Protein backbone atom coordinates (compact mmCIF):
# COMPACT_ATOMS: atom_id res chain seq x y z
CA MET A 1 -13.26 -17.38 21.96
CA CYS A 2 -12.23 -14.11 20.36
CA LEU A 3 -11.70 -14.36 16.62
CA LEU A 4 -8.43 -12.44 16.82
CA CYS A 5 -5.15 -13.31 18.54
CA PHE A 6 -3.81 -10.26 20.33
CA ILE A 7 -0.18 -9.26 20.02
CA ARG A 8 -0.22 -5.81 21.61
CA GLY A 9 -1.46 -5.67 25.19
CA GLY A 10 -2.90 -9.18 25.22
CA SER A 11 -5.78 -8.31 27.57
CA LEU A 12 -9.55 -8.51 27.72
CA ALA A 13 -9.58 -4.79 28.51
CA LEU A 14 -7.94 -4.09 25.16
CA GLU A 15 -10.57 -6.20 23.38
CA GLU A 16 -13.35 -4.31 25.10
CA THR A 17 -11.75 -0.98 24.18
CA PHE A 18 -11.73 -1.97 20.52
CA GLU A 19 -15.34 -3.12 20.67
CA MET A 20 -16.31 0.38 21.85
CA LYS A 21 -14.67 2.05 18.85
CA LYS A 22 -16.90 3.23 16.02
CA ILE A 23 -15.17 2.43 12.74
CA ARG A 24 -15.97 4.86 9.93
CA LEU A 25 -13.30 3.91 7.42
CA ILE A 26 -11.64 0.62 6.44
CA ALA A 27 -8.23 0.82 4.73
CA LEU A 28 -7.14 -2.38 3.00
CA ASP A 29 -3.92 -3.57 1.44
CA ILE A 30 -4.41 -5.66 -1.71
CA ASP A 31 -1.82 -8.39 -2.27
CA GLY A 32 -1.47 -10.85 0.59
CA THR A 33 -4.40 -9.23 2.40
CA LEU A 34 -7.59 -8.56 0.44
CA LEU A 35 -6.72 -11.00 -2.36
CA ASP A 36 -5.66 -14.61 -1.93
CA ASP A 37 -2.39 -16.03 -3.22
CA LYS A 38 -3.97 -16.63 -6.64
CA LYS A 39 -4.87 -12.91 -6.84
CA LYS A 40 -8.57 -13.78 -6.46
CA LEU A 41 -11.05 -11.99 -4.22
CA PRO A 42 -12.64 -14.34 -1.66
CA GLN A 43 -16.43 -14.09 -1.69
CA GLU A 44 -16.57 -13.64 2.10
CA ASN A 45 -14.39 -10.53 1.83
CA ARG A 46 -16.67 -9.07 -0.82
CA GLU A 47 -19.79 -9.73 1.25
CA ALA A 48 -18.37 -8.33 4.50
CA LEU A 49 -17.20 -5.16 2.77
CA ALA A 50 -20.57 -4.73 1.06
CA GLU A 51 -22.29 -4.95 4.45
CA ALA A 52 -19.92 -2.38 5.95
CA ALA A 53 -20.41 0.00 3.01
CA ALA A 54 -24.19 -0.37 3.32
CA GLN A 55 -23.84 0.87 6.91
CA GLY A 56 -22.05 4.00 5.68
CA VAL A 57 -18.47 2.90 6.31
CA VAL A 58 -15.99 4.34 3.79
CA VAL A 59 -13.80 1.71 2.10
CA ALA A 60 -10.30 2.63 0.93
CA ILE A 61 -7.91 0.43 -1.03
CA ALA A 62 -4.30 1.11 -0.06
CA SER A 63 -1.55 -0.16 -2.33
CA GLY A 64 1.87 0.54 -3.73
CA ARG A 65 0.31 0.19 -7.18
CA MET A 66 -0.52 3.12 -9.44
CA THR A 67 -4.10 4.42 -9.49
CA PRO A 68 -5.22 2.82 -12.81
CA THR A 69 -4.14 -0.66 -11.68
CA ILE A 70 -6.03 -0.33 -8.38
CA GLU A 71 -9.31 0.50 -10.16
CA PRO A 72 -9.93 -3.13 -11.26
CA VAL A 73 -9.75 -4.25 -7.62
CA ALA A 74 -12.45 -1.74 -6.67
CA GLU A 75 -14.54 -3.09 -9.54
CA LEU A 76 -14.11 -6.63 -8.17
CA LEU A 77 -15.53 -5.40 -4.87
CA GLY A 78 -18.41 -3.66 -6.62
CA LEU A 79 -17.76 -0.60 -4.46
CA ASP A 80 -16.86 3.01 -5.19
CA CYS A 81 -13.70 3.19 -3.08
CA VAL A 82 -11.24 5.83 -2.04
CA ILE A 83 -7.85 4.94 -3.52
CA ILE A 84 -4.58 5.27 -1.64
CA ALA A 85 -2.04 4.73 -4.42
CA TYR A 86 1.75 4.69 -4.64
CA ASN A 87 2.09 3.69 -0.96
CA GLY A 88 0.41 6.90 0.12
CA GLY A 89 2.03 9.19 -2.43
CA LYS A 90 -1.39 9.97 -3.92
CA VAL A 91 -4.90 9.78 -2.46
CA VAL A 92 -7.94 10.11 -4.75
CA ALA A 93 -11.64 10.37 -3.96
CA PRO A 94 -14.29 7.85 -5.10
CA ARG A 95 -15.48 7.83 -8.70
CA LYS A 96 -18.74 9.58 -7.77
CA ALA A 97 -16.57 12.48 -6.56
CA GLY A 98 -14.73 12.56 -9.88
CA ARG A 99 -11.57 10.85 -8.58
CA THR A 100 -10.49 14.23 -7.23
CA VAL A 101 -6.94 14.21 -5.93
CA LEU A 102 -7.14 14.66 -2.16
CA HIS A 103 -3.40 14.55 -1.64
CA HIS A 104 -0.26 14.22 -3.75
CA GLU A 105 3.30 14.32 -2.44
CA PRO A 106 5.88 13.43 -5.09
CA VAL A 107 9.50 12.40 -4.67
CA PRO A 108 11.85 15.43 -4.67
CA SER A 109 13.73 15.75 -7.96
CA GLU A 110 17.10 15.82 -6.19
CA VAL A 111 16.34 12.28 -4.95
CA SER A 112 14.80 11.12 -8.22
CA ASP A 113 17.82 12.30 -10.20
CA ILE A 114 20.13 10.13 -8.05
CA PHE A 115 18.12 6.99 -8.83
CA VAL A 116 17.75 7.82 -12.53
CA LYS A 117 21.51 8.26 -12.82
CA PHE A 118 22.23 5.08 -10.85
CA ALA A 119 19.81 2.93 -12.88
CA HIS A 120 21.10 4.35 -16.17
CA GLU A 121 24.74 3.67 -15.31
CA LYS A 122 24.24 0.26 -13.66
CA GLY A 123 21.62 -1.17 -16.03
CA HIS A 124 18.89 -1.56 -13.41
CA LEU A 125 15.20 -1.23 -14.15
CA LEU A 126 13.79 1.91 -12.55
CA ASN A 127 10.02 2.24 -12.49
CA PHE A 128 9.38 5.98 -12.91
CA TYR A 129 5.79 6.96 -12.07
CA HIS A 130 4.72 10.35 -13.36
CA GLU A 131 1.25 11.73 -14.08
CA GLU A 132 -0.33 8.25 -13.81
CA ARG A 133 2.07 6.74 -16.35
CA LEU A 134 4.78 4.17 -15.75
CA TYR A 135 8.06 4.75 -17.58
CA GLY A 136 10.96 2.33 -17.93
CA GLN A 137 14.24 2.38 -19.84
CA GLU A 138 14.71 -0.20 -22.57
CA GLY A 139 17.28 -2.99 -22.22
CA LEU A 140 17.45 -6.79 -21.97
CA ARG A 141 17.90 -6.90 -18.19
CA GLN A 142 15.27 -4.22 -17.71
CA ARG A 143 12.81 -6.15 -19.88
CA GLN A 144 13.14 -9.19 -17.60
CA PHE A 145 12.01 -7.22 -14.58
CA MET A 146 9.32 -5.36 -16.52
CA GLU A 147 7.71 -8.71 -17.27
CA ILE A 148 7.80 -9.64 -13.58
CA TYR A 149 6.19 -6.38 -12.52
CA SER A 150 3.53 -6.30 -15.24
CA SER A 151 2.51 -9.91 -14.55
CA ARG A 152 1.94 -9.08 -10.88
CA THR A 153 0.18 -5.74 -11.20
CA GLY A 154 -1.19 -5.46 -14.74
CA ALA A 155 0.72 -2.21 -15.24
CA GLN A 156 1.95 -1.37 -18.73
CA TYR A 157 5.22 0.43 -19.41
CA GLN A 158 5.90 3.36 -21.67
CA ILE A 159 9.38 2.43 -22.90
CA GLU A 160 11.99 5.18 -22.99
CA LYS A 161 15.38 5.02 -24.67
CA ASP A 162 16.86 7.08 -21.85
CA LEU A 163 15.22 8.02 -18.53
CA THR A 164 17.72 10.81 -18.02
CA ARG A 165 15.26 13.02 -19.89
CA PHE A 166 13.37 13.04 -16.57
CA TYR A 167 16.14 14.85 -14.71
CA GLY A 168 14.49 17.59 -12.65
CA VAL A 169 11.06 15.91 -12.70
CA GLN A 170 9.28 14.95 -9.48
CA PRO A 171 7.75 11.46 -9.85
CA THR A 172 4.98 10.27 -7.57
CA LYS A 173 7.07 7.20 -6.72
CA LEU A 174 10.06 5.16 -7.87
CA ILE A 175 10.81 1.44 -7.74
CA LEU A 176 14.32 0.18 -8.34
CA MET A 177 14.11 -3.46 -9.39
CA GLY A 178 16.78 -6.14 -9.23
CA ASP A 179 17.95 -9.37 -7.66
CA PRO A 180 16.87 -9.58 -3.97
CA PRO A 181 20.35 -9.93 -2.36
CA GLU A 182 21.66 -6.92 -4.28
CA LEU A 183 18.59 -4.84 -3.41
CA ASP A 184 19.04 -5.66 0.28
CA GLU A 185 22.50 -4.09 0.12
CA LEU A 186 21.30 -1.12 -1.93
CA CYS A 187 18.47 -0.49 0.52
CA VAL A 188 20.97 -0.05 3.36
CA SER A 189 23.31 2.03 1.21
CA PHE A 190 20.63 4.43 -0.09
CA ARG A 191 19.08 4.86 3.34
CA GLU A 192 22.44 5.88 4.76
CA SER A 193 23.37 8.23 1.92
CA LEU A 194 19.95 9.90 1.56
CA ASP A 195 19.15 9.95 5.29
CA CYS A 196 15.85 11.85 5.70
CA LYS A 197 15.54 13.01 2.08
CA ALA A 198 13.33 10.05 1.10
CA TYR A 199 11.37 7.13 2.53
CA ILE A 200 12.89 3.89 1.21
CA THR A 201 11.51 0.41 1.85
CA LYS A 202 11.62 -3.14 0.49
CA THR A 203 8.22 -4.59 -0.43
CA ASP A 204 8.48 -7.58 -2.75
CA PRO A 205 11.97 -9.15 -2.77
CA GLU A 206 12.70 -7.56 -6.17
CA TYR A 207 11.33 -4.08 -5.28
CA LEU A 208 13.13 -1.18 -3.62
CA GLU A 209 10.45 1.51 -3.31
CA VAL A 210 11.18 5.21 -2.95
CA MET A 211 8.68 7.82 -1.76
CA ALA A 212 8.87 11.40 -0.53
CA PRO A 213 10.08 11.72 3.08
CA GLY A 214 7.32 10.94 5.56
CA VAL A 215 5.12 9.31 2.93
CA ASP A 216 3.67 5.86 3.52
CA LYS A 217 0.20 4.37 3.66
CA GLY A 218 -0.17 5.64 7.22
CA SER A 219 0.37 9.25 6.18
CA ALA A 220 -2.72 8.98 3.97
CA LEU A 221 -5.06 8.21 6.88
CA PRO A 222 -5.14 11.73 8.41
CA VAL A 223 -5.81 13.12 4.91
CA MET A 224 -8.92 10.97 4.55
CA ALA A 225 -10.02 11.54 8.14
CA ALA A 226 -9.88 15.31 7.65
CA HIS A 227 -11.70 15.09 4.32
CA TYR A 228 -14.57 13.01 5.71
CA GLY A 229 -14.74 14.71 9.10
CA PHE A 230 -13.62 12.00 11.52
CA THR A 231 -10.47 10.99 13.38
CA VAL A 232 -7.78 8.46 12.58
CA ASP A 233 -8.92 6.59 15.69
CA GLU A 234 -12.06 5.68 13.71
CA VAL A 235 -10.05 3.84 11.03
CA LEU A 236 -9.51 0.09 10.81
CA ALA A 237 -6.51 -0.88 8.67
CA VAL A 238 -5.63 -4.38 7.47
CA GLY A 239 -2.29 -5.38 5.94
CA ASP A 240 0.49 -7.93 5.72
CA ALA A 241 3.76 -6.39 4.53
CA ASN A 242 6.47 -3.91 5.45
CA ASN A 243 4.83 -1.13 3.45
CA ASP A 244 1.70 -1.58 5.59
CA VAL A 245 3.53 -0.87 8.85
CA GLY A 246 2.82 2.88 8.89
CA MET A 247 -0.88 2.28 8.19
CA LEU A 248 -1.19 -0.36 10.90
CA ARG A 249 0.45 1.93 13.44
CA ALA A 250 -1.58 5.00 12.50
CA ALA A 251 -5.05 3.39 12.49
CA GLY A 252 -7.33 3.20 15.48
CA ILE A 253 -7.27 -0.57 15.01
CA GLY A 254 -4.36 -1.99 13.05
CA VAL A 255 -4.96 -5.59 11.97
CA ALA A 256 -2.28 -7.87 10.54
CA VAL A 257 -3.46 -10.98 8.72
CA GLN A 258 -2.10 -14.32 9.91
CA ASN A 259 0.24 -14.65 6.90
CA ALA A 260 1.77 -11.21 7.55
CA GLY A 261 5.49 -10.68 7.95
CA PRO A 262 7.07 -10.15 11.38
CA ARG A 263 7.29 -6.35 11.10
CA ALA A 264 3.63 -6.02 10.18
CA LYS A 265 2.57 -8.29 13.04
CA ALA A 266 4.74 -6.40 15.52
CA SER A 267 3.23 -3.08 14.36
CA ALA A 268 -0.41 -4.22 14.53
CA ASP A 269 -2.81 -4.14 17.46
CA VAL A 270 -4.17 -7.55 16.57
CA VAL A 271 -3.56 -10.51 14.26
CA THR A 272 -6.31 -12.51 12.59
CA GLN A 273 -6.56 -16.25 13.04
CA SER A 274 -7.11 -16.67 9.29
CA THR A 275 -4.80 -15.97 6.37
CA ASN A 276 -5.51 -14.06 3.18
CA ASN A 277 -6.47 -17.43 1.64
CA GLU A 278 -9.10 -17.85 4.35
CA SER A 279 -10.89 -14.47 4.08
CA ALA A 280 -8.94 -12.73 6.85
CA VAL A 281 -10.38 -9.35 5.84
CA ALA A 282 -13.92 -10.64 6.41
CA GLU A 283 -12.87 -11.94 9.83
CA ALA A 284 -11.57 -8.53 10.86
CA ILE A 285 -14.59 -6.63 9.52
CA ARG A 286 -17.14 -8.89 11.16
CA ARG A 287 -15.30 -8.67 14.47
CA TRP A 288 -14.60 -4.94 14.66
CA VAL A 289 -17.01 -3.24 12.25
CA LEU A 290 -20.17 -5.33 11.98
CA SER A 291 -20.35 -6.87 15.45
């Protein structure tokens, strides 16, 4: 029996088509995909990725996190990985290539200024990412959400008395943090008011993420393909969440792990039988890269 349950096409012909693909790059989400629910790296995932890398396959870690907080994950793998940070807002080369920036597309300042003003007036925490630093405005309510974010990602804040000093600056990314029901409403409101001026998505329940228009993890794949001299059709992407949708759609083989949300599963070519707690990444790699 095939190791993967198909959700797009559902045919043996589709399976055979995938088996004929030569995968030259693997793009992996971190939380809920590569790591288990305890934020640990399953040994099977490490071993499968090491085998793929030994065969010359490029490994990329794709996350909404900032570059410095993705580095420890690459160290866990023991691999020199390409890093897709800030949900595709920045792409950097492996360490052996000096972490050269391959692509950077920041949020327009006209959009950033709107969120800075809103957060300042309403007392929300706004994560402001600029030049690989994370800035946040001081305040009791803001501190509560800073602790949530730092505990999940390891990121450290540079506390500012007033983020309005960043008016006119183009951050790599923004995250507006707050209570989930309120953020659901704000997501709809900001999408309507900003239209095509920014890409806005919910990731974790407390996160409303803002990137430049057209920027998501999927937009990073053509950048890497062009840099390494292959096509996006030669990329296998694995993810679980809404911010993985663009990557799953863009890749030659988009794989959603079994614990993925409904949008990710609907956007993928295939779904693993195993969850992130059961080494789903290893399942996908052994089926479509190492077989």
